[in-house]
Amino acid sequence: MKFTISSENAGERLDRYLAKHCADLSRSQIKHLIEAGDILSNSKPTKASQVLKGGEEILVKVPPPIAMATLPEDLPLHILYEDPELIVLNKDAEMVVHLGAGVKDGTVVNALLHHCRVLSGIGGVARPGIVHRLDK
């Protein structure tokens, strides 16, 4: 994405400007993109706190998402019900459901891939076949 800052936005912080104009990105994501050098102001790395003057050309490069490989793991599952189409679990409070930041294994998804061998494609690569919590 490319933006040319108008004089009307002079005095505004870069991160706040981008949060308003990049609906698909959170401020946290914008901060990480700036830190990674993926947001440039006039072709130079910048900071989230940069105060806009007007006239700057802002380039936002959003790298493609990295698919995480989810591998089967032989982990204990407390199965309440199971048939060929459905499995209901009582998940331990400490067990993470999906892969995520800092969590690369030991999840419910890893355990289900081992137990079921094949999960529905619903939910994509990191969350195959998972509907979600039914406890509330």
Protein backbone atom coordinates (compact mmCIF):
# COMPACT_ATOMS: atom_id res chain seq x y z
CA MET A 1 0.00 0.00 0.00
CA LYS A 2 1.20 3.48 -0.76
CA PHE A 3 0.06 6.74 0.82
CA THR A 4 0.95 10.37 0.18
CA ILE A 5 0.36 12.32 3.35
CA SER A 6 -1.73 15.46 2.91
CA SER A 7 -1.14 18.67 4.84
CA GLU A 8 -4.42 17.97 6.68
CA ASN A 9 -2.67 15.07 8.46
CA ALA A 10 0.36 17.15 9.52
CA GLY A 11 1.04 16.71 13.24
CA GLU A 12 -0.46 13.20 13.39
CA ARG A 13 1.64 10.21 14.45
CA LEU A 14 2.43 7.73 11.68
CA ASP A 15 1.08 4.71 13.58
CA ARG A 16 -2.25 6.45 14.26
CA TYR A 17 -2.55 7.57 10.66
CA LEU A 18 -1.93 4.03 9.39
CA ALA A 19 -4.35 2.52 11.92
CA LYS A 20 -7.10 4.72 10.44
CA HIS A 21 -6.16 4.08 6.81
CA CYS A 22 -5.19 0.39 6.90
CA ALA A 23 -8.38 -1.28 8.11
CA ASP A 24 -6.86 -4.77 7.75
CA LEU A 25 -3.99 -4.02 10.16
CA SER A 26 -4.09 -3.54 13.93
CA ARG A 27 -1.84 -0.98 15.62
CA SER A 28 0.18 -3.88 16.99
CA GLN A 29 0.69 -5.27 13.48
CA ILE A 30 1.65 -1.80 12.24
CA LYS A 31 4.20 -1.49 15.05
CA HIS A 32 5.73 -4.87 14.13
CA LEU A 33 5.87 -3.92 10.43
CA ILE A 34 7.63 -0.66 11.31
CA GLU A 35 10.13 -2.50 13.53
CA ALA A 36 10.78 -5.01 10.73
CA GLY A 37 11.48 -2.20 8.24
CA ASP A 38 8.37 -3.01 6.19
CA ILE A 39 6.95 0.52 6.50
CA LEU A 40 9.01 3.25 4.88
CA SER A 41 8.65 7.03 4.90
CA ASN A 42 10.18 8.64 1.82
CA SER A 43 11.97 5.32 1.13
CA LYS A 44 13.61 5.27 4.59
CA PRO A 45 12.90 3.22 7.71
CA THR A 46 10.77 5.07 10.23
CA LYS A 47 9.35 4.91 13.75
CA ALA A 48 5.76 4.54 14.96
CA SER A 49 6.09 7.87 16.75
CA GLN A 50 7.10 9.77 13.60
CA VAL A 51 5.09 12.99 13.43
CA LEU A 52 3.80 13.56 9.92
CA LYS A 53 4.58 16.86 8.23
CA GLY A 54 2.61 16.41 5.02
CA GLY A 55 4.01 15.39 1.66
CA GLU A 56 5.65 12.17 2.88
CA GLU A 57 5.29 9.06 0.76
CA ILE A 58 4.52 6.10 3.01
CA LEU A 59 5.03 2.58 1.67
CA VAL A 60 3.51 -0.31 3.63
CA LYS A 61 4.78 -3.77 2.64
CA VAL A 62 2.80 -6.57 4.24
CA PRO A 63 4.69 -9.86 3.87
CA PRO A 64 2.61 -12.92 3.01
CA PRO A 65 1.58 -15.03 6.00
CA ILE A 66 3.83 -17.95 6.82
CA ALA A 67 1.94 -21.22 6.98
CA MET A 68 2.76 -23.18 10.10
CA ALA A 69 3.13 -26.91 9.74
CA THR A 70 0.92 -28.74 12.20
CA LEU A 71 2.22 -32.22 12.97
CA PRO A 72 0.40 -35.06 14.75
CA GLU A 73 1.45 -35.63 18.37
CA ASP A 74 0.48 -38.46 20.70
CA LEU A 75 -0.97 -36.34 23.51
CA PRO A 76 -3.67 -37.28 26.03
CA LEU A 77 -7.22 -36.18 25.17
CA HIS A 78 -10.24 -36.35 27.49
CA ILE A 79 -12.86 -37.43 24.94
CA LEU A 80 -16.50 -37.01 26.04
CA TYR A 81 -18.11 -38.11 22.78
CA GLU A 82 -16.93 -39.33 19.40
CA ASP A 83 -18.55 -40.53 16.19
CA PRO A 84 -17.33 -40.49 12.55
CA GLU A 85 -18.32 -36.82 12.13
CA LEU A 86 -17.81 -35.25 15.56
CA ILE A 87 -15.53 -35.32 18.58
CA VAL A 88 -16.25 -33.51 21.86
CA LEU A 89 -13.39 -32.92 24.29
CA ASN A 90 -12.97 -31.72 27.82
CA LYS A 91 -9.79 -29.72 27.26
CA ASP A 92 -7.28 -29.27 30.07
CA ALA A 93 -7.06 -25.59 31.03
CA GLU A 94 -3.30 -25.49 30.37
CA MET A 95 -3.49 -26.99 26.88
CA VAL A 96 -3.42 -24.47 24.02
CA VAL A 97 -5.90 -25.16 21.22
CA HIS A 98 -4.08 -23.79 18.15
CA LEU A 99 -0.56 -23.00 17.03
CA GLY A 100 0.31 -19.37 17.57
CA ALA A 101 2.89 -16.89 18.80
CA GLY A 102 5.44 -18.91 20.74
CA VAL A 103 3.36 -22.12 20.54
CA LYS A 104 4.60 -24.54 17.90
CA ASP A 105 3.45 -27.88 19.31
CA GLY A 106 1.62 -29.57 22.17
CA THR A 107 -1.77 -28.21 21.10
CA VAL A 108 -5.22 -29.75 20.83
CA VAL A 109 -4.82 -29.60 17.05
CA ASN A 110 -1.60 -31.66 17.26
CA ALA A 111 -3.36 -34.23 19.48
CA LEU A 112 -6.44 -34.40 17.24
CA LEU A 113 -4.33 -34.90 14.13
CA HIS A 114 -2.75 -37.91 15.84
CA HIS A 115 -6.04 -39.28 17.17
CA CYS A 116 -8.23 -38.70 14.08
CA ARG A 117 -5.52 -38.88 11.37
CA VAL A 118 -7.64 -36.60 9.11
CA LEU A 119 -9.51 -33.45 10.07
CA SER A 120 -11.95 -31.41 8.04
CA GLY A 121 -10.48 -28.48 6.09
CA ILE A 122 -12.73 -26.06 7.98
CA GLY A 123 -10.54 -23.50 9.72
CA GLY A 124 -7.53 -23.65 7.42
CA VAL A 125 -4.03 -25.04 7.98
CA ALA A 126 -3.49 -23.99 11.60
CA ARG A 127 -7.05 -24.72 12.79
CA PRO A 128 -8.24 -27.73 10.81
CA GLY A 129 -11.72 -28.93 11.69
CA ILE A 130 -11.90 -26.96 14.92
CA VAL A 131 -15.26 -25.37 15.64
CA HIS A 132 -14.34 -23.97 19.07
CA ARG A 133 -15.53 -23.67 22.62
CA LEU A 134 -18.99 -24.73 23.66
CA ASP A 135 -18.64 -23.99 27.36
CA LYS A 136 -20.49 -20.69 27.64
